[in-house]
Amino acid sequence: MLKNPANRHRAVGLTFEQWHYAFTNTFPEEESRALYDRYAVPASGSIFWDSALATLRPGHQSTYVNYHNEDRPPLLFVSGEKDHLMPPKVQQSNAKHYTSHTVTEVKEYPGMPHLLPAAPGWEAVADGALDWAVAHAR
């Protein structure tokens, strides 16, 4: 997506190889391909370009996050151990940026990829997220 500056104003898709690495790296190739065929859609290139250029432009941009917001609801980062797109260390780093006193936690699921809702054992992930949300509801 970042190879061509013109992609900033286009919808850009991932190749199957990119999809498999990012989303379904723990799946057999045949299953990964079926998921790619069903769920892979082009995304706005501006999201990636805005993120890549964020440190070069001053001020709040589309990627801005208020890490000090005391009024936000509790936040749970859910991560698969084998996630290549948002690995647990990245999720832990994201959580540490939130300096408000509102609950912020990271839950890591062993052996899971980024595409948690399609992975075997997704029910435990869904139940865990629901239990967490109910326990932290205001």
C-alpha atoms as a PDB file:
ATOM      1  CA  MET A   1       0.000   0.000   0.000  1.00  0.00           C
ATOM      2  CA  LEU A   2       2.889   2.338   0.708  1.00  0.00           C
ATOM      3  CA  LYS A   3       4.839   1.389  -2.437  1.00  0.00           C
ATOM      4  CA  ASN A   4       2.916   3.835  -4.600  1.00  0.00           C
ATOM      5  CA  PRO A   5       1.983   7.363  -3.399  1.00  0.00           C
ATOM      6  CA  ALA A   6      -1.083   7.239  -5.656  1.00  0.00           C
ATOM      7  CA  ASN A   7      -2.471   4.541  -3.342  1.00  0.00           C
ATOM      8  CA  ARG A   8      -3.205   7.261  -0.792  1.00  0.00           C
ATOM      9  CA  HIS A   9      -6.352   8.127  -2.735  1.00  0.00           C
ATOM     10  CA  ARG A  10      -7.387   4.589  -3.725  1.00  0.00           C
ATOM     11  CA  ALA A  11      -8.772   1.441  -2.240  1.00  0.00           C
ATOM     12  CA  VAL A  12      -5.923  -1.064  -2.106  1.00  0.00           C
ATOM     13  CA  GLY A  13      -6.199  -4.809  -1.553  1.00  0.00           C
ATOM     14  CA  LEU A  14      -3.805  -7.320  -0.071  1.00  0.00           C
ATOM     15  CA  THR A  15      -2.429 -10.234  -2.051  1.00  0.00           C
ATOM     16  CA  PHE A  16      -3.281 -13.686  -0.742  1.00  0.00           C
ATOM     17  CA  GLU A  17       0.274 -14.012   0.626  1.00  0.00           C
ATOM     18  CA  GLN A  18      -0.025 -10.710   2.507  1.00  0.00           C
ATOM     19  CA  TRP A  19      -3.467 -11.693   3.833  1.00  0.00           C
ATOM     20  CA  HIS A  20      -2.236 -15.097   4.990  1.00  0.00           C
ATOM     21  CA  TYR A  21       0.745 -13.585   6.802  1.00  0.00           C
ATOM     22  CA  ALA A  22      -1.297 -10.822   8.463  1.00  0.00           C
ATOM     23  CA  PHE A  23      -4.588 -12.515   9.276  1.00  0.00           C
ATOM     24  CA  THR A  24      -4.549 -16.307   8.951  1.00  0.00           C
ATOM     25  CA  ASN A  25      -0.947 -17.409   9.529  1.00  0.00           C
ATOM     26  CA  THR A  26      -2.026 -20.295  11.779  1.00  0.00           C
ATOM     27  CA  PHE A  27      -4.546 -21.668   9.263  1.00  0.00           C
ATOM     28  CA  PRO A  28      -3.877 -24.315   6.604  1.00  0.00           C
ATOM     29  CA  GLU A  29      -3.437 -22.676   3.187  1.00  0.00           C
ATOM     30  CA  GLU A  30      -6.711 -24.017   1.777  1.00  0.00           C
ATOM     31  CA  GLU A  31      -8.750 -22.647   4.686  1.00  0.00           C
ATOM     32  CA  SER A  32      -6.809 -19.378   4.604  1.00  0.00           C
ATOM     33  CA  ARG A  33      -7.559 -18.995   0.893  1.00  0.00           C
ATOM     34  CA  ALA A  34     -11.282 -19.613   1.476  1.00  0.00           C
ATOM     35  CA  LEU A  35     -11.297 -16.914   4.167  1.00  0.00           C
ATOM     36  CA  TYR A  36      -9.396 -14.572   1.858  1.00  0.00           C
ATOM     37  CA  ASP A  37     -11.932 -15.133  -0.912  1.00  0.00           C
ATOM     38  CA  ARG A  38     -14.799 -14.436   1.478  1.00  0.00           C
ATOM     39  CA  TYR A  39     -13.503 -11.584   3.648  1.00  0.00           C
ATOM     40  CA  ALA A  40     -10.603  -9.751   1.983  1.00  0.00           C
ATOM     41  CA  VAL A  41     -11.703  -6.348   0.691  1.00  0.00           C
ATOM     42  CA  PRO A  42      -9.650  -3.377  -0.437  1.00  0.00           C
ATOM     43  CA  ALA A  43      -9.055  -0.732   2.235  1.00  0.00           C
ATOM     44  CA  SER A  44      -8.534   2.981   1.924  1.00  0.00           C
ATOM     45  CA  GLY A  45      -4.881   3.717   1.266  1.00  0.00           C
ATOM     46  CA  SER A  46      -5.227   6.994   3.179  1.00  0.00           C
ATOM     47  CA  ILE A  47      -5.366   5.095   6.481  1.00  0.00           C
ATOM     48  CA  PHE A  48      -1.886   3.699   5.908  1.00  0.00           C
ATOM     49  CA  TRP A  49      -0.438   6.885   4.436  1.00  0.00           C
ATOM     50  CA  ASP A  50      -1.842   9.023   7.263  1.00  0.00           C
ATOM     51  CA  SER A  51      -0.265   6.694   9.806  1.00  0.00           C
ATOM     52  CA  ALA A  52       3.065   6.655   7.986  1.00  0.00           C
ATOM     53  CA  LEU A  53       3.176  10.460   7.741  1.00  0.00           C
ATOM     54  CA  ALA A  54       1.735  11.235  11.187  1.00  0.00           C
ATOM     55  CA  THR A  55       5.063  12.178  12.776  1.00  0.00           C
ATOM     56  CA  LEU A  56       5.883  14.572   9.923  1.00  0.00           C
ATOM     57  CA  ARG A  57       2.782  16.743  10.279  1.00  0.00           C
ATOM     58  CA  PRO A  58       2.064  18.711  13.458  1.00  0.00           C
ATOM     59  CA  GLY A  59      -1.313  18.707  15.159  1.00  0.00           C
ATOM     60  CA  HIS A  60      -4.169  16.254  15.538  1.00  0.00           C
ATOM     61  CA  GLN A  61      -4.838  14.036  12.558  1.00  0.00           C
ATOM     62  CA  SER A  62      -7.125  11.143  11.730  1.00  0.00           C
ATOM     63  CA  THR A  63      -4.854   8.834  13.736  1.00  0.00           C
ATOM     64  CA  TYR A  64      -4.986  10.986  16.913  1.00  0.00           C
ATOM     65  CA  VAL A  65      -5.924   9.268  20.176  1.00  0.00           C
ATOM     66  CA  ASN A  66      -6.539  11.064  23.488  1.00  0.00           C
ATOM     67  CA  TYR A  67      -4.697   8.757  25.883  1.00  0.00           C
ATOM     68  CA  HIS A  68      -5.598  10.910  28.893  1.00  0.00           C
ATOM     69  CA  ASN A  69      -9.405  10.806  28.535  1.00  0.00           C
ATOM     70  CA  GLU A  70     -10.805  10.044  32.001  1.00  0.00           C
ATOM     71  CA  ASP A  71     -14.353   9.799  30.624  1.00  0.00           C
ATOM     72  CA  ARG A  72     -13.768   6.928  28.233  1.00  0.00           C
ATOM     73  CA  PRO A  73     -15.227   3.496  28.947  1.00  0.00           C
ATOM     74  CA  PRO A  74     -13.019   0.545  29.978  1.00  0.00           C
ATOM     75  CA  LEU A  75     -10.835  -0.747  27.169  1.00  0.00           C
ATOM     76  CA  LEU A  76      -9.811  -4.336  26.447  1.00  0.00           C
ATOM     77  CA  PHE A  77      -7.124  -5.126  23.872  1.00  0.00           C
ATOM     78  CA  VAL A  78      -7.584  -8.692  22.615  1.00  0.00           C
ATOM     79  CA  SER A  79      -4.561 -10.283  20.992  1.00  0.00           C
ATOM     80  CA  GLY A  80      -3.621 -13.631  19.546  1.00  0.00           C
ATOM     81  CA  GLU A  81      -0.197 -14.944  20.502  1.00  0.00           C
ATOM     82  CA  LYS A  82       0.599 -15.628  16.816  1.00  0.00           C
ATOM     83  CA  ASP A  83      -0.857 -12.324  15.543  1.00  0.00           C
ATOM     84  CA  HIS A  84       1.488 -10.774  12.962  1.00  0.00           C
ATOM     85  CA  LEU A  85      -0.607  -7.638  12.402  1.00  0.00           C
ATOM     86  CA  MET A  86      -1.037  -6.518  16.035  1.00  0.00           C
ATOM     87  CA  PRO A  87       1.176  -8.820  18.103  1.00  0.00           C
ATOM     88  CA  PRO A  88       0.781  -8.978  21.885  1.00  0.00           C
ATOM     89  CA  LYS A  89       3.821  -6.723  22.456  1.00  0.00           C
ATOM     90  CA  VAL A  90       2.223  -4.030  20.299  1.00  0.00           C
ATOM     91  CA  GLN A  91      -1.070  -4.398  22.164  1.00  0.00           C
ATOM     92  CA  GLN A  92       0.756  -4.150  25.502  1.00  0.00           C
ATOM     93  CA  SER A  93       2.542  -1.029  24.284  1.00  0.00           C
ATOM     94  CA  ASN A  94      -0.764   0.472  23.134  1.00  0.00           C
ATOM     95  CA  ALA A  95      -2.324  -0.186  26.524  1.00  0.00           C
ATOM     96  CA  LYS A  96       0.592   1.478  28.364  1.00  0.00           C
ATOM     97  CA  HIS A  97      -0.028   4.710  26.448  1.00  0.00           C
ATOM     98  CA  TYR A  98      -3.398   5.121  28.146  1.00  0.00           C
ATOM     99  CA  THR A  99      -2.590   7.124  31.254  1.00  0.00           C
ATOM    100  CA  SER A 100      -6.127   7.755  32.506  1.00  0.00           C
ATOM    101  CA  HIS A 101      -7.389   5.879  35.544  1.00  0.00           C
ATOM    102  CA  THR A 102     -10.003   4.081  33.469  1.00  0.00           C
ATOM    103  CA  VAL A 103      -9.499   0.323  33.214  1.00  0.00           C
ATOM    104  CA  THR A 104      -7.247  -0.703  30.324  1.00  0.00           C
ATOM    105  CA  GLU A 105      -6.222  -4.351  29.960  1.00  0.00           C
ATOM    106  CA  VAL A 106      -4.689  -6.749  27.447  1.00  0.00           C
ATOM    107  CA  LYS A 107      -5.857 -10.340  27.060  1.00  0.00           C
ATOM    108  CA  GLU A 108      -3.658 -12.656  25.020  1.00  0.00           C
ATOM    109  CA  TYR A 109      -4.911 -15.937  23.570  1.00  0.00           C
ATOM    110  CA  PRO A 110      -2.257 -18.642  23.060  1.00  0.00           C
ATOM    111  CA  GLY A 111      -1.742 -19.939  19.542  1.00  0.00           C
ATOM    112  CA  MET A 112      -4.271 -17.561  17.983  1.00  0.00           C
ATOM    113  CA  PRO A 113      -3.809 -15.442  14.810  1.00  0.00           C
ATOM    114  CA  HIS A 114      -5.149 -11.960  14.063  1.00  0.00           C
ATOM    115  CA  LEU A 115      -8.412 -13.263  12.593  1.00  0.00           C
ATOM    116  CA  LEU A 116      -9.672 -14.426  15.980  1.00  0.00           C
ATOM    117  CA  PRO A 117     -13.385 -14.757  15.051  1.00  0.00           C
ATOM    118  CA  ALA A 118     -12.581 -17.397  12.407  1.00  0.00           C
ATOM    119  CA  ALA A 119      -9.960 -19.359  14.357  1.00  0.00           C
ATOM    120  CA  PRO A 120     -10.651 -22.634  16.131  1.00  0.00           C
ATOM    121  CA  GLY A 121     -11.469 -21.783  19.729  1.00  0.00           C
ATOM    122  CA  TRP A 122     -13.020 -18.414  18.855  1.00  0.00           C
ATOM    123  CA  GLU A 123     -15.846 -19.155  21.278  1.00  0.00           C
ATOM    124  CA  ALA A 124     -13.454 -18.844  24.240  1.00  0.00           C
ATOM    125  CA  VAL A 125     -12.278 -15.475  22.913  1.00  0.00           C
ATOM    126  CA  ALA A 126     -15.861 -14.237  22.512  1.00  0.00           C
ATOM    127  CA  ASP A 127     -16.886 -15.532  25.945  1.00  0.00           C
ATOM    128  CA  GLY A 128     -13.807 -13.962  27.528  1.00  0.00           C
ATOM    129  CA  ALA A 129     -14.477 -10.578  25.943  1.00  0.00           C
ATOM    130  CA  LEU A 130     -18.139 -10.685  26.946  1.00  0.00           C
ATOM    131  CA  ASP A 131     -17.324 -11.710  30.520  1.00  0.00           C
ATOM    132  CA  TRP A 132     -14.762  -8.897  30.725  1.00  0.00           C
ATOM    133  CA  ALA A 133     -17.225  -6.337  29.351  1.00  0.00           C
ATOM    134  CA  VAL A 134     -19.956  -7.365  31.780  1.00  0.00           C
ATOM    135  CA  ALA A 135     -17.509  -7.267  34.714  1.00  0.00           C
ATOM    136  CA  HIS A 136     -16.367  -3.755  33.758  1.00  0.00           C
ATOM    137  CA  ALA A 137     -19.703  -2.250  32.702  1.00  0.00           C
ATOM    138  CA  ARG A 138     -20.492   1.104  34.261  1.00  0.00           C
END
